[in-house]
Amino acid sequence: MTPEQFTKGLARMAVEMKNFIEDTGPNGAPTIVGKTAADFFTQNFDRQGFLNRGLQPWPDVKRRTNPRNTPRGKTAAGRRILFGKTRNLSRSIDYDPQKGRVIVYSDVHYAHYHNEGTGKLPKRQFIGDSAELEKLITSELDRKLKNIIK
C-alpha cells in the first residue's frame, strides 16, 4: 500500500465514521444506542428493579404487605410493581435519534415521580446511567465501527 492509498483509506474511514455517528436512520449510531437503551430500560420492569452494577430491586408496595387495603384484593396484591393493567409506564419508554446524539425518555407525566421518588413515593428507578447498559452499547458500537475500519 502506498502512502497515498493509506491516506485515502483513512479519509474514507473518517467520513464513514462521521456519517455513522450522525445518521438518524436505522443503521446509525443514535438509533442503535436509543433502541438498545429503550429496550434495556423497558426490561427493568420485568426485572422489578434497576440494573446498574447488579440489580437494585424496587421497594415493595403496600398492596402486597396489606392486601386488604386495596379495593382489588388478591389481583392487585399479586400484581408486579409498576405493572398497571395497561403497562403504560413501561410501554412509554422511547427514543429520539438526532444528529450525533439520542434522547431516551418516557412521555408519561408521572414517570419522573416513580423514577426519582418524591415525598412519600419511593424511588423505583427504571431509566438512568447503568454500567451494564454502557457495556451493551459499547459492544454494539465497537462491532459496527470495526466494520468501518476494515
Protein backbone atom coordinates (compact mmCIF):
# COMPACT_ATOMS: atom_id res chain seq x y z
CA MET A 1 0.00 0.00 0.00
CA THR A 2 1.35 3.37 -0.95
CA PRO A 3 1.24 6.39 1.37
CA GLU A 4 -1.39 7.94 -0.93
CA GLN A 5 -3.61 4.84 -0.72
CA PHE A 6 -3.24 4.79 3.05
CA THR A 7 -4.21 8.47 3.30
CA LYS A 8 -7.25 7.94 1.04
CA GLY A 9 -8.28 4.94 3.15
CA LEU A 10 -8.06 6.96 6.36
CA ALA A 11 -10.06 9.79 4.82
CA ARG A 12 -12.75 7.33 3.68
CA MET A 13 -12.97 5.78 7.16
CA ALA A 14 -13.24 9.22 8.78
CA VAL A 15 -16.17 10.12 6.51
CA GLU A 16 -17.88 6.76 7.17
CA MET A 17 -17.44 7.14 10.94
CA LYS A 18 -18.82 10.68 10.87
CA ASN A 19 -21.80 9.52 8.83
CA PHE A 20 -22.40 6.60 11.22
CA ILE A 21 -22.33 8.90 14.26
CA GLU A 22 -24.65 11.49 12.68
CA ASP A 23 -27.03 9.15 10.81
CA THR A 24 -30.50 9.09 12.38
CA GLY A 25 -31.62 6.21 10.17
CA PRO A 26 -31.99 2.59 11.34
CA ASN A 27 -28.27 1.81 10.93
CA GLY A 28 -26.92 4.99 12.52
CA ALA A 29 -25.33 5.18 15.94
CA PRO A 30 -28.06 7.37 17.52
CA THR A 31 -30.77 4.84 16.60
CA ILE A 32 -28.68 1.85 17.70
CA VAL A 33 -27.93 3.50 21.05
CA GLY A 34 -31.52 4.66 21.51
CA LYS A 35 -33.08 1.29 20.74
CA THR A 36 -30.57 -0.54 22.95
CA ALA A 37 -31.25 1.86 25.85
CA ALA A 38 -35.04 1.85 25.46
CA ASP A 39 -35.11 -1.96 25.38
CA PHE A 40 -32.80 -2.14 28.41
CA PHE A 41 -34.92 0.31 30.43
CA THR A 42 -38.14 -1.49 29.49
CA GLN A 43 -36.61 -4.74 30.76
CA ASN A 44 -36.17 -3.11 34.17
CA PHE A 45 -39.93 -3.52 34.64
CA ASP A 46 -39.57 -7.26 34.14
CA ARG A 47 -36.56 -7.26 36.46
CA GLN A 48 -38.57 -5.35 39.08
CA GLY A 49 -35.56 -3.15 39.71
CA PHE A 50 -32.83 -1.08 38.10
CA LEU A 51 -29.82 -2.89 36.68
CA ASN A 52 -26.64 -0.98 37.46
CA ARG A 53 -23.66 -2.89 38.83
CA GLY A 54 -26.14 -5.60 39.74
CA LEU A 55 -29.86 -5.44 40.28
CA GLN A 56 -31.15 -2.68 42.57
CA PRO A 57 -34.59 -4.11 43.48
CA TRP A 58 -37.51 -1.75 43.84
CA PRO A 59 -39.08 -1.27 47.28
CA ASP A 60 -42.12 -3.47 47.76
CA VAL A 61 -45.62 -1.98 47.54
CA LYS A 62 -48.17 -1.67 50.33
CA ARG A 63 -50.78 -3.68 48.45
CA ARG A 64 -48.57 -6.74 48.89
CA THR A 65 -47.94 -6.29 52.58
CA ASN A 66 -51.57 -5.46 53.39
CA PRO A 67 -53.83 -6.64 50.52
CA ARG A 68 -57.00 -5.83 52.49
CA ASN A 69 -56.27 -2.13 51.98
CA THR A 70 -56.65 -2.41 48.23
CA PRO A 71 -60.08 -2.46 46.57
CA ARG A 72 -58.94 -5.08 44.07
CA GLY A 73 -57.95 -7.63 46.70
CA LYS A 74 -55.84 -10.58 45.61
CA THR A 75 -55.47 -9.46 41.99
CA ALA A 76 -53.81 -6.18 42.92
CA ALA A 77 -51.86 -7.80 45.76
CA GLY A 78 -50.20 -10.21 43.37
CA ARG A 79 -49.56 -7.77 40.53
CA ARG A 80 -45.98 -6.81 39.86
CA ILE A 81 -44.63 -3.39 40.85
CA LEU A 82 -45.37 -0.60 38.33
CA PHE A 83 -47.43 -3.01 36.20
CA GLY A 84 -50.84 -1.45 35.82
CA LYS A 85 -53.42 -3.13 33.62
CA THR A 86 -52.22 -1.12 30.62
CA ARG A 87 -48.48 -1.16 31.34
CA ASN A 88 -48.48 2.48 30.18
CA LEU A 89 -45.31 3.36 32.06
CA SER A 90 -43.17 0.51 30.73
CA ARG A 91 -44.58 0.95 27.23
CA SER A 92 -43.87 4.70 27.28
CA ILE A 93 -40.09 4.43 27.03
CA ASP A 94 -38.98 5.69 23.65
CA TYR A 95 -36.05 7.41 21.97
CA ASP A 96 -35.47 10.29 19.59
CA PRO A 97 -32.37 9.86 17.41
CA GLN A 98 -30.79 13.15 16.48
CA LYS A 99 -27.64 14.06 14.60
CA GLY A 100 -24.78 12.80 16.78
CA ARG A 101 -26.93 12.05 19.85
CA VAL A 102 -30.09 10.39 21.10
CA ILE A 103 -32.66 11.29 23.73
CA VAL A 104 -34.27 8.42 25.65
CA TYR A 105 -37.43 9.37 27.52
CA SER A 106 -40.85 8.49 28.88
CA ASP A 107 -43.71 10.75 27.89
CA VAL A 108 -45.92 9.62 30.78
CA HIS A 109 -46.39 12.62 33.07
CA TYR A 110 -45.84 10.62 36.28
CA ALA A 111 -42.70 8.74 35.10
CA HIS A 112 -40.34 11.20 36.79
CA TYR A 113 -42.01 10.71 40.18
CA HIS A 114 -41.51 6.95 40.08
CA ASN A 115 -38.00 7.15 38.64
CA GLU A 116 -36.75 9.71 41.17
CA GLY A 117 -39.06 9.15 44.14
CA THR A 118 -40.92 12.12 45.61
CA GLY A 119 -42.39 12.75 49.01
CA LYS A 120 -43.96 9.51 50.18
CA LEU A 121 -43.48 7.82 46.81
CA PRO A 122 -40.37 5.61 46.97
CA LYS A 123 -37.78 5.72 44.23
CA ARG A 124 -38.28 2.95 41.70
CA GLN A 125 -35.70 3.87 39.09
CA PHE A 126 -36.08 2.41 35.62
CA ILE A 127 -34.19 4.98 33.49
CA GLY A 128 -30.68 6.28 34.19
CA ASP A 129 -26.96 5.62 33.95
CA SER A 130 -26.08 1.93 34.06
CA ALA A 131 -22.73 0.18 33.80
CA GLU A 132 -24.41 -2.83 32.17
CA LEU A 133 -26.13 -0.64 29.59
CA GLU A 134 -22.90 1.17 28.84
CA LYS A 135 -21.22 -2.18 28.24
CA LEU A 136 -24.02 -3.26 25.86
CA ILE A 137 -23.84 -0.02 23.90
CA THR A 138 -20.04 -0.07 23.72
CA SER A 139 -20.07 -3.64 22.46
CA GLU A 140 -22.64 -2.87 19.77
CA LEU A 141 -20.87 0.30 18.60
CA ASP A 142 -17.47 -1.45 18.61
CA ARG A 143 -18.89 -4.13 16.34
CA LYS A 144 -20.27 -1.55 13.91
CA LEU A 145 -17.10 0.57 13.94
CA LYS A 146 -14.91 -2.49 13.25
CA ASN A 147 -16.84 -2.96 10.01
CA ILE A 148 -15.98 0.60 9.02
CA ILE A 149 -12.25 0.30 9.65
CA LYS A 150 -11.83 -2.95 7.72
